[in-house]
Amino acid sequence: MKTYRTTQVAKSIGIHPNTVRLYEELGLISKPSRRENGYRIFTDFHIEQLKLARTAFQIEVLQNGLRKLMIEIVKTTANADFDKALFLTKEYLTRIRQEQKNAEEAIDIVNQLLSGRKLTNPVAMKRKEVSEYLQLTMDTLRNWEMNGLLTVKRRVNGYRIYTEEDINRLKIIRSLRCANYSLESILRMLHALSHNPTINIKEVLDTPSLESDIVSVCDKLISSLESAEANAIKMKYQIEFMKLKFS
């Protein structure tokens, strides 16, 4: 059986030797045996484990425990429990596809709200009433206002008064947040919508501003989920290959 030193493994994968040691420390690859001088002895199985880990961590999908599940898949494979790893990968794929469905459905809801947003009789609700009506916490409403997603008018006495237009806007924000769109992407969409009511909402939500200092994964939610799905399929093939070769 062919064996490798840490530097050889790192070079073959295209990573730093310290990364190999870190993956070992985190349990993302199985512990290699050691020579009498203490040097690690890696095998082809370790190389495949590292390739799997690199595939997994190319995508940063954080919501609803997806990252935790991805790490469990890598660790389970490192323990050579291939059947369990394949089962977890199937679950991972299912959950990614559900997240994609949620994201698409949220956009449909927004489009429906916008196409039917005809103001009827004037509505004037206090924050507590809106909180109960939309089943949102008071802190959530404050947070959305502080982040510029909504500007609520006040009465002379200082109390905030929410109009029907405000409530429709909150329904839009709630739908998108439930689907894990970031506040940044929602704000970008709302700003674009105020200038052009006929914008492609899906496209705007998935296109971060070039001026943004930080672009999070949820600022490109649909694209990141599509990439995660492709990576999950690749992981499945990698695990099946390891099962065939190293069982």
C-alpha atoms as a PDB file:
ATOM      1  CA  MET A   1       0.000   0.000   0.000  1.00  0.00           C
ATOM      2  CA  LYS A   2       1.349   3.384  -0.981  1.00  0.00           C
ATOM      3  CA  THR A   3       1.963   5.850   1.840  1.00  0.00           C
ATOM      4  CA  TYR A   4       2.601   9.595   1.987  1.00  0.00           C
ATOM      5  CA  ARG A   5       4.071  12.218   4.285  1.00  0.00           C
ATOM      6  CA  THR A   6       2.095  15.276   5.402  1.00  0.00           C
ATOM      7  CA  THR A   7       3.786  17.546   2.875  1.00  0.00           C
ATOM      8  CA  GLN A   8       3.142  15.106   0.039  1.00  0.00           C
ATOM      9  CA  VAL A   9      -0.554  14.864   0.901  1.00  0.00           C
ATOM     10  CA  ALA A  10      -0.861  18.638   1.205  1.00  0.00           C
ATOM     11  CA  LYS A  11       0.814  19.172  -2.159  1.00  0.00           C
ATOM     12  CA  SER A  12      -1.389  16.610  -3.918  1.00  0.00           C
ATOM     13  CA  ILE A  13      -4.562  18.328  -2.639  1.00  0.00           C
ATOM     14  CA  GLY A  14      -3.259  21.882  -2.995  1.00  0.00           C
ATOM     15  CA  ILE A  15      -3.474  22.890   0.663  1.00  0.00           C
ATOM     16  CA  HIS A  16      -1.056  23.872   3.408  1.00  0.00           C
ATOM     17  CA  PRO A  17       0.371  21.066   5.595  1.00  0.00           C
ATOM     18  CA  ASN A  18      -1.114  22.824   8.625  1.00  0.00           C
ATOM     19  CA  THR A  19      -4.562  22.397   7.062  1.00  0.00           C
ATOM     20  CA  VAL A  20      -3.996  18.640   6.922  1.00  0.00           C
ATOM     21  CA  ARG A  21      -3.080  18.651  10.612  1.00  0.00           C
ATOM     22  CA  LEU A  22      -6.116  20.818  11.433  1.00  0.00           C
ATOM     23  CA  TYR A  23      -8.489  18.464   9.617  1.00  0.00           C
ATOM     24  CA  GLU A  24      -7.005  15.573  11.588  1.00  0.00           C
ATOM     25  CA  GLU A  25      -7.424  17.489  14.850  1.00  0.00           C
ATOM     26  CA  LEU A  26     -11.079  18.268  14.019  1.00  0.00           C
ATOM     27  CA  GLY A  27     -11.839  14.654  13.127  1.00  0.00           C
ATOM     28  CA  LEU A  28     -12.532  15.480   9.476  1.00  0.00           C
ATOM     29  CA  ILE A  29     -10.043  12.806   8.426  1.00  0.00           C
ATOM     30  CA  SER A  30      -9.093   9.618  10.223  1.00  0.00           C
ATOM     31  CA  LYS A  31      -5.984   9.645  12.393  1.00  0.00           C
ATOM     32  CA  PRO A  32      -2.950   8.405  10.455  1.00  0.00           C
ATOM     33  CA  SER A  33      -0.515   5.944  11.958  1.00  0.00           C
ATOM     34  CA  ARG A  34       2.988   7.203  12.782  1.00  0.00           C
ATOM     35  CA  ARG A  35       6.546   6.134  12.147  1.00  0.00           C
ATOM     36  CA  GLU A  36       8.987   5.600  14.982  1.00  0.00           C
ATOM     37  CA  ASN A  37      10.235   9.173  14.507  1.00  0.00           C
ATOM     38  CA  GLY A  38       6.683  10.503  14.963  1.00  0.00           C
ATOM     39  CA  TYR A  39       6.051  11.378  11.325  1.00  0.00           C
ATOM     40  CA  ARG A  40       2.497  10.774  10.146  1.00  0.00           C
ATOM     41  CA  ILE A  41       1.816   8.056   7.582  1.00  0.00           C
ATOM     42  CA  PHE A  42      -1.035   8.872   5.195  1.00  0.00           C
ATOM     43  CA  THR A  43      -2.695   6.554   2.670  1.00  0.00           C
ATOM     44  CA  ASP A  44      -4.822   6.935  -0.444  1.00  0.00           C
ATOM     45  CA  PHE A  45      -7.880   6.783   1.820  1.00  0.00           C
ATOM     46  CA  HIS A  46      -6.698   9.937   3.605  1.00  0.00           C
ATOM     47  CA  ILE A  47      -6.269  11.693   0.279  1.00  0.00           C
ATOM     48  CA  GLU A  48      -9.853  10.838  -0.707  1.00  0.00           C
ATOM     49  CA  GLN A  49     -11.096  12.019   2.696  1.00  0.00           C
ATOM     50  CA  LEU A  50      -9.362  15.344   2.190  1.00  0.00           C
ATOM     51  CA  LYS A  51     -10.847  15.674  -1.283  1.00  0.00           C
ATOM     52  CA  LEU A  52     -14.311  15.097   0.206  1.00  0.00           C
ATOM     53  CA  ALA A  53     -13.728  17.706   2.911  1.00  0.00           C
ATOM     54  CA  ARG A  54     -12.532  20.221   0.336  1.00  0.00           C
ATOM     55  CA  THR A  55     -15.651  19.623  -1.758  1.00  0.00           C
ATOM     56  CA  ALA A  56     -17.888  20.012   1.302  1.00  0.00           C
ATOM     57  CA  PHE A  57     -16.338  23.268   2.488  1.00  0.00           C
ATOM     58  CA  GLN A  58     -16.388  24.981  -0.894  1.00  0.00           C
ATOM     59  CA  ILE A  59     -19.920  26.085  -0.023  1.00  0.00           C
ATOM     60  CA  GLU A  60     -20.919  27.961   3.114  1.00  0.00           C
ATOM     61  CA  VAL A  61     -24.578  27.090   3.633  1.00  0.00           C
ATOM     62  CA  LEU A  62     -25.375  27.832   7.232  1.00  0.00           C
ATOM     63  CA  GLN A  63     -29.133  27.812   7.656  1.00  0.00           C
ATOM     64  CA  ASN A  64     -31.244  25.206   9.414  1.00  0.00           C
ATOM     65  CA  GLY A  65     -28.350  23.013  10.494  1.00  0.00           C
ATOM     66  CA  LEU A  66     -27.090  22.281   6.978  1.00  0.00           C
ATOM     67  CA  ARG A  67     -23.466  23.035   7.828  1.00  0.00           C
ATOM     68  CA  LYS A  68     -23.643  20.812  10.914  1.00  0.00           C
ATOM     69  CA  LEU A  69     -25.023  17.966   8.798  1.00  0.00           C
ATOM     70  CA  MET A  70     -22.328  18.487   6.174  1.00  0.00           C
ATOM     71  CA  ILE A  71     -19.607  18.199   8.852  1.00  0.00           C
ATOM     72  CA  GLU A  72     -21.237  15.018  10.163  1.00  0.00           C
ATOM     73  CA  ILE A  73     -21.095  13.514   6.656  1.00  0.00           C
ATOM     74  CA  VAL A  74     -17.353  14.232   6.396  1.00  0.00           C
ATOM     75  CA  LYS A  75     -16.630  12.826   9.871  1.00  0.00           C
ATOM     76  CA  THR A  76     -18.750   9.722   9.277  1.00  0.00           C
ATOM     77  CA  THR A  77     -16.850   9.036   6.051  1.00  0.00           C
ATOM     78  CA  ALA A  78     -13.561   9.461   7.921  1.00  0.00           C
ATOM     79  CA  ASN A  79     -14.736   6.658  10.212  1.00  0.00           C
ATOM     80  CA  ALA A  80     -15.326   4.508   7.097  1.00  0.00           C
ATOM     81  CA  ASP A  81     -19.061   4.224   7.839  1.00  0.00           C
ATOM     82  CA  PHE A  82     -19.928   4.693   4.186  1.00  0.00           C
ATOM     83  CA  ASP A  83     -23.543   3.543   4.327  1.00  0.00           C
ATOM     84  CA  LYS A  84     -24.384   6.039   7.055  1.00  0.00           C
ATOM     85  CA  ALA A  85     -22.484   8.770   5.217  1.00  0.00           C
ATOM     86  CA  LEU A  86     -24.508   8.093   2.061  1.00  0.00           C
ATOM     87  CA  PHE A  87     -27.742   8.158   4.061  1.00  0.00           C
ATOM     88  CA  LEU A  88     -26.767  11.515   5.585  1.00  0.00           C
ATOM     89  CA  THR A  89     -25.806  12.856   2.157  1.00  0.00           C
ATOM     90  CA  LYS A  90     -29.245  11.922   0.836  1.00  0.00           C
ATOM     91  CA  GLU A  91     -30.823  13.779   3.762  1.00  0.00           C
ATOM     92  CA  TYR A  92     -28.515  16.747   3.122  1.00  0.00           C
ATOM     93  CA  LEU A  93     -29.614  16.879  -0.516  1.00  0.00           C
ATOM     94  CA  THR A  94     -33.279  16.656   0.466  1.00  0.00           C
ATOM     95  CA  ARG A  95     -32.931  19.535   2.903  1.00  0.00           C
ATOM     96  CA  ILE A  96     -31.033  21.694   0.404  1.00  0.00           C
ATOM     97  CA  ARG A  97     -33.800  21.139  -2.151  1.00  0.00           C
ATOM     98  CA  GLN A  98     -36.400  22.058   0.466  1.00  0.00           C
ATOM     99  CA  GLU A  99     -34.497  25.279   1.163  1.00  0.00           C
ATOM    100  CA  GLN A 100     -34.508  25.993  -2.575  1.00  0.00           C
ATOM    101  CA  LYS A 101     -38.265  25.414  -2.649  1.00  0.00           C
ATOM    102  CA  ASN A 102     -38.749  27.734   0.346  1.00  0.00           C
ATOM    103  CA  ALA A 103     -36.706  30.459  -1.351  1.00  0.00           C
ATOM    104  CA  GLU A 104     -38.685  30.179  -4.589  1.00  0.00           C
ATOM    105  CA  GLU A 105     -42.023  30.102  -2.738  1.00  0.00           C
ATOM    106  CA  ALA A 106     -41.095  33.248  -0.813  1.00  0.00           C
ATOM    107  CA  ILE A 107     -40.519  35.059  -4.103  1.00  0.00           C
ATOM    108  CA  ASP A 108     -43.923  33.850  -5.352  1.00  0.00           C
ATOM    109  CA  ILE A 109     -45.550  35.171  -2.171  1.00  0.00           C
ATOM    110  CA  VAL A 110     -43.868  38.548  -2.646  1.00  0.00           C
ATOM    111  CA  ASN A 111     -45.080  38.721  -6.242  1.00  0.00           C
ATOM    112  CA  GLN A 112     -48.612  37.847  -5.146  1.00  0.00           C
ATOM    113  CA  LEU A 113     -48.554  40.489  -2.414  1.00  0.00           C
ATOM    114  CA  LEU A 114     -47.269  43.098  -4.842  1.00  0.00           C
ATOM    115  CA  SER A 115     -49.720  42.244  -7.612  1.00  0.00           C
ATOM    116  CA  GLY A 116     -52.643  42.462  -5.236  1.00  0.00           C
ATOM    117  CA  ARG A 117     -51.581  45.309  -3.014  1.00  0.00           C
ATOM    118  CA  LYS A 118     -54.573  47.583  -3.366  1.00  0.00           C
ATOM    119  CA  LEU A 119     -55.056  49.790  -0.343  1.00  0.00           C
ATOM    120  CA  THR A 120     -58.628  49.656   0.843  1.00  0.00           C
ATOM    121  CA  ASN A 121     -59.815  51.434   3.957  1.00  0.00           C
ATOM    122  CA  PRO A 122     -56.995  53.154   5.843  1.00  0.00           C
ATOM    123  CA  VAL A 123     -55.519  50.961   8.592  1.00  0.00           C
ATOM    124  CA  ALA A 124     -53.845  52.340  11.694  1.00  0.00           C
ATOM    125  CA  MET A 125     -52.314  49.758  14.013  1.00  0.00           C
ATOM    126  CA  LYS A 126     -49.925  50.105  16.918  1.00  0.00           C
ATOM    127  CA  ARG A 127     -46.727  48.071  17.112  1.00  0.00           C
ATOM    128  CA  LYS A 128     -48.187  45.621  19.649  1.00  0.00           C
ATOM    129  CA  GLU A 129     -51.223  45.060  17.441  1.00  0.00           C
ATOM    130  CA  VAL A 130     -49.025  44.476  14.394  1.00  0.00           C
ATOM    131  CA  SER A 131     -46.848  42.100  16.420  1.00  0.00           C
ATOM    132  CA  GLU A 132     -49.867  39.991  17.324  1.00  0.00           C
ATOM    133  CA  TYR A 133     -51.453  40.203  13.872  1.00  0.00           C
ATOM    134  CA  LEU A 134     -48.311  39.083  11.995  1.00  0.00           C
ATOM    135  CA  GLN A 135     -47.040  36.817  14.812  1.00  0.00           C
ATOM    136  CA  LEU A 136     -43.748  38.670  14.956  1.00  0.00           C
ATOM    137  CA  THR A 137     -41.974  39.662  18.152  1.00  0.00           C
ATOM    138  CA  MET A 138     -41.668  43.312  19.098  1.00  0.00           C
ATOM    139  CA  ASP A 139     -37.880  42.909  18.957  1.00  0.00           C
ATOM    140  CA  THR A 140     -38.124  41.640  15.370  1.00  0.00           C
ATOM    141  CA  LEU A 141     -40.128  44.684  14.335  1.00  0.00           C
ATOM    142  CA  ARG A 142     -37.612  46.986  16.038  1.00  0.00           C
ATOM    143  CA  ASN A 143     -34.716  45.166  14.379  1.00  0.00           C
ATOM    144  CA  TRP A 144     -36.224  45.502  10.909  1.00  0.00           C
ATOM    145  CA  GLU A 145     -36.847  49.194  11.455  1.00  0.00           C
ATOM    146  CA  MET A 146     -33.315  49.742  12.790  1.00  0.00           C
ATOM    147  CA  ASN A 147     -31.929  48.022   9.667  1.00  0.00           C
ATOM    148  CA  GLY A 148     -33.865  50.356   7.392  1.00  0.00           C
ATOM    149  CA  LEU A 149     -36.357  47.807   6.068  1.00  0.00           C
ATOM    150  CA  LEU A 150     -39.291  49.894   7.217  1.00  0.00           C
ATOM    151  CA  THR A 151     -39.895  53.495   8.236  1.00  0.00           C
ATOM    152  CA  VAL A 152     -43.011  53.900  10.353  1.00  0.00           C
ATOM    153  CA  LYS A 153     -44.757  57.214  10.841  1.00  0.00           C
ATOM    154  CA  ARG A 154     -45.531  58.472  14.330  1.00  0.00           C
ATOM    155  CA  ARG A 155     -48.461  60.263  15.824  1.00  0.00           C
ATOM    156  CA  VAL A 156     -48.048  63.530  17.682  1.00  0.00           C
ATOM    157  CA  ASN A 157     -47.813  61.567  20.941  1.00  0.00           C
ATOM    158  CA  GLY A 158     -44.841  59.600  19.549  1.00  0.00           C
ATOM    159  CA  TYR A 159     -46.619  56.270  19.049  1.00  0.00           C
ATOM    160  CA  ARG A 160     -45.808  54.413  15.834  1.00  0.00           C
ATOM    161  CA  ILE A 161     -48.747  53.856  13.526  1.00  0.00           C
ATOM    162  CA  TYR A 162     -48.609  51.122  10.894  1.00  0.00           C
ATOM    163  CA  THR A 163     -50.624  51.585   7.718  1.00  0.00           C
ATOM    164  CA  GLU A 164     -51.885  48.866   5.378  1.00  0.00           C
ATOM    165  CA  GLU A 165     -48.906  49.561   3.127  1.00  0.00           C
ATOM    166  CA  ASP A 166     -46.569  49.063   6.107  1.00  0.00           C
ATOM    167  CA  ILE A 167     -48.260  45.769   6.954  1.00  0.00           C
ATOM    168  CA  ASN A 168     -47.963  44.508   3.368  1.00  0.00           C
ATOM    169  CA  ARG A 169     -44.282  45.446   3.437  1.00  0.00           C
ATOM    170  CA  LEU A 170     -43.853  43.528   6.698  1.00  0.00           C
ATOM    171  CA  LYS A 171     -45.547  40.474   5.150  1.00  0.00           C
ATOM    172  CA  ILE A 172     -43.029  40.619   2.317  1.00  0.00           C
ATOM    173  CA  ILE A 173     -40.092  40.885   4.722  1.00  0.00           C
ATOM    174  CA  ARG A 174     -41.456  38.071   6.891  1.00  0.00           C
ATOM    175  CA  SER A 175     -41.861  35.721   3.912  1.00  0.00           C
ATOM    176  CA  LEU A 176     -38.310  36.341   2.714  1.00  0.00           C
ATOM    177  CA  ARG A 177     -36.777  36.045   6.180  1.00  0.00           C
ATOM    178  CA  CYS A 178     -38.596  32.738   6.751  1.00  0.00           C
ATOM    179  CA  ALA A 179     -36.871  31.495   3.610  1.00  0.00           C
ATOM    180  CA  ASN A 180     -33.500  32.656   5.024  1.00  0.00           C
ATOM    181  CA  TYR A 181     -32.900  35.636   2.762  1.00  0.00           C
ATOM    182  CA  SER A 182     -30.555  38.100   4.468  1.00  0.00           C
ATOM    183  CA  LEU A 183     -31.661  41.536   5.657  1.00  0.00           C
ATOM    184  CA  GLU A 184     -29.158  42.994   3.181  1.00  0.00           C
ATOM    185  CA  SER A 185     -30.723  41.254   0.184  1.00  0.00           C
ATOM    186  CA  ILE A 186     -34.265  42.144   1.306  1.00  0.00           C
ATOM    187  CA  LEU A 187     -33.321  45.803   1.764  1.00  0.00           C
ATOM    188  CA  ARG A 188     -31.701  45.812  -1.680  1.00  0.00           C
ATOM    189  CA  MET A 189     -34.882  44.362  -3.187  1.00  0.00           C
ATOM    190  CA  LEU A 190     -37.146  46.881  -1.414  1.00  0.00           C
ATOM    191  CA  HIS A 191     -35.021  49.797  -2.564  1.00  0.00           C
ATOM    192  CA  ALA A 192     -35.031  48.542  -6.152  1.00  0.00           C
ATOM    193  CA  LEU A 193     -38.776  47.963  -5.965  1.00  0.00           C
ATOM    194  CA  SER A 194     -39.418  51.537  -4.860  1.00  0.00           C
ATOM    195  CA  HIS A 195     -37.691  52.773  -8.039  1.00  0.00           C
ATOM    196  CA  ASN A 196     -39.089  50.147 -10.391  1.00  0.00           C
ATOM    197  CA  PRO A 197     -42.202  48.128  -9.433  1.00  0.00           C
ATOM    198  CA  THR A 198     -41.645  45.764 -12.396  1.00  0.00           C
ATOM    199  CA  ILE A 199     -38.175  44.523 -11.372  1.00  0.00           C
ATOM    200  CA  ASN A 200     -37.274  40.838 -11.441  1.00  0.00           C
ATOM    201  CA  ILE A 201     -37.410  40.157  -7.699  1.00  0.00           C
ATOM    202  CA  LYS A 202     -35.551  36.845  -7.891  1.00  0.00           C
ATOM    203  CA  GLU A 203     -32.700  38.441  -9.832  1.00  0.00           C
ATOM    204  CA  VAL A 204     -32.367  41.419  -7.478  1.00  0.00           C
ATOM    205  CA  LEU A 205     -32.409  39.224  -4.361  1.00  0.00           C
ATOM    206  CA  ASP A 206     -29.613  37.091  -5.782  1.00  0.00           C
ATOM    207  CA  THR A 207     -27.398  39.956  -6.978  1.00  0.00           C
ATOM    208  CA  PRO A 208     -25.412  41.705  -4.207  1.00  0.00           C
ATOM    209  CA  SER A 209     -24.362  45.284  -4.764  1.00  0.00           C
ATOM    210  CA  LEU A 210     -20.801  45.756  -5.978  1.00  0.00           C
ATOM    211  CA  GLU A 211     -20.442  48.425  -3.290  1.00  0.00           C
ATOM    212  CA  SER A 212     -21.195  45.984  -0.463  1.00  0.00           C
ATOM    213  CA  ASP A 213     -18.258  45.622   1.918  1.00  0.00           C
ATOM    214  CA  ILE A 214     -19.344  42.141   2.911  1.00  0.00           C
ATOM    215  CA  VAL A 215     -21.351  39.707   0.814  1.00  0.00           C
ATOM    216  CA  SER A 216     -22.821  36.882   2.864  1.00  0.00           C
ATOM    217  CA  VAL A 217     -24.039  33.565   1.503  1.00  0.00           C
ATOM    218  CA  CYS A 218     -27.642  34.587   2.166  1.00  0.00           C
ATOM    219  CA  ASP A 219     -27.141  37.630  -0.075  1.00  0.00           C
ATOM    220  CA  LYS A 220     -26.969  35.100  -2.929  1.00  0.00           C
ATOM    221  CA  LEU A 221     -29.259  32.506  -1.399  1.00  0.00           C
ATOM    222  CA  ILE A 222     -30.557  30.784  -4.527  1.00  0.00           C
ATOM    223  CA  SER A 223     -27.118  30.649  -6.175  1.00  0.00           C
ATOM    224  CA  SER A 224     -25.502  29.302  -3.006  1.00  0.00           C
ATOM    225  CA  LEU A 225     -28.176  26.609  -2.633  1.00  0.00           C
ATOM    226  CA  GLU A 226     -27.747  25.575  -6.272  1.00  0.00           C
ATOM    227  CA  SER A 227     -23.982  25.317  -5.714  1.00  0.00           C
ATOM    228  CA  ALA A 228     -24.569  23.370  -2.494  1.00  0.00           C
ATOM    229  CA  GLU A 229     -26.789  20.918  -4.365  1.00  0.00           C
ATOM    230  CA  ALA A 230     -24.115  20.366  -7.027  1.00  0.00           C
ATOM    231  CA  ASN A 231     -21.476  19.856  -4.335  1.00  0.00           C
ATOM    232  CA  ALA A 232     -23.693  17.417  -2.437  1.00  0.00           C
ATOM    233  CA  ILE A 233     -24.118  15.308  -5.574  1.00  0.00           C
ATOM    234  CA  LYS A 234     -20.339  15.360  -6.055  1.00  0.00           C
ATOM    235  CA  MET A 235     -19.872  14.308  -2.408  1.00  0.00           C
ATOM    236  CA  LYS A 236     -22.254  11.397  -2.962  1.00  0.00           C
ATOM    237  CA  TYR A 237     -20.141  10.139  -5.872  1.00  0.00           C
ATOM    238  CA  GLN A 238     -16.937  10.585  -3.851  1.00  0.00           C
ATOM    239  CA  ILE A 239     -18.329   8.553  -0.942  1.00  0.00           C
ATOM    240  CA  GLU A 240     -19.570   5.824  -3.282  1.00  0.00           C
ATOM    241  CA  PHE A 241     -16.084   5.675  -4.805  1.00  0.00           C
ATOM    242  CA  MET A 242     -14.499   5.347  -1.340  1.00  0.00           C
ATOM    243  CA  LYS A 243     -16.994   2.652  -0.349  1.00  0.00           C
ATOM    244  CA  LEU A 244     -16.091   0.678  -3.466  1.00  0.00           C
ATOM    245  CA  LYS A 245     -12.349   1.108  -3.040  1.00  0.00           C
ATOM    246  CA  PHE A 246     -11.777   1.071   0.718  1.00  0.00           C
ATOM    247  CA  SER A 247     -14.538  -1.111   2.235  1.00  0.00           C
END
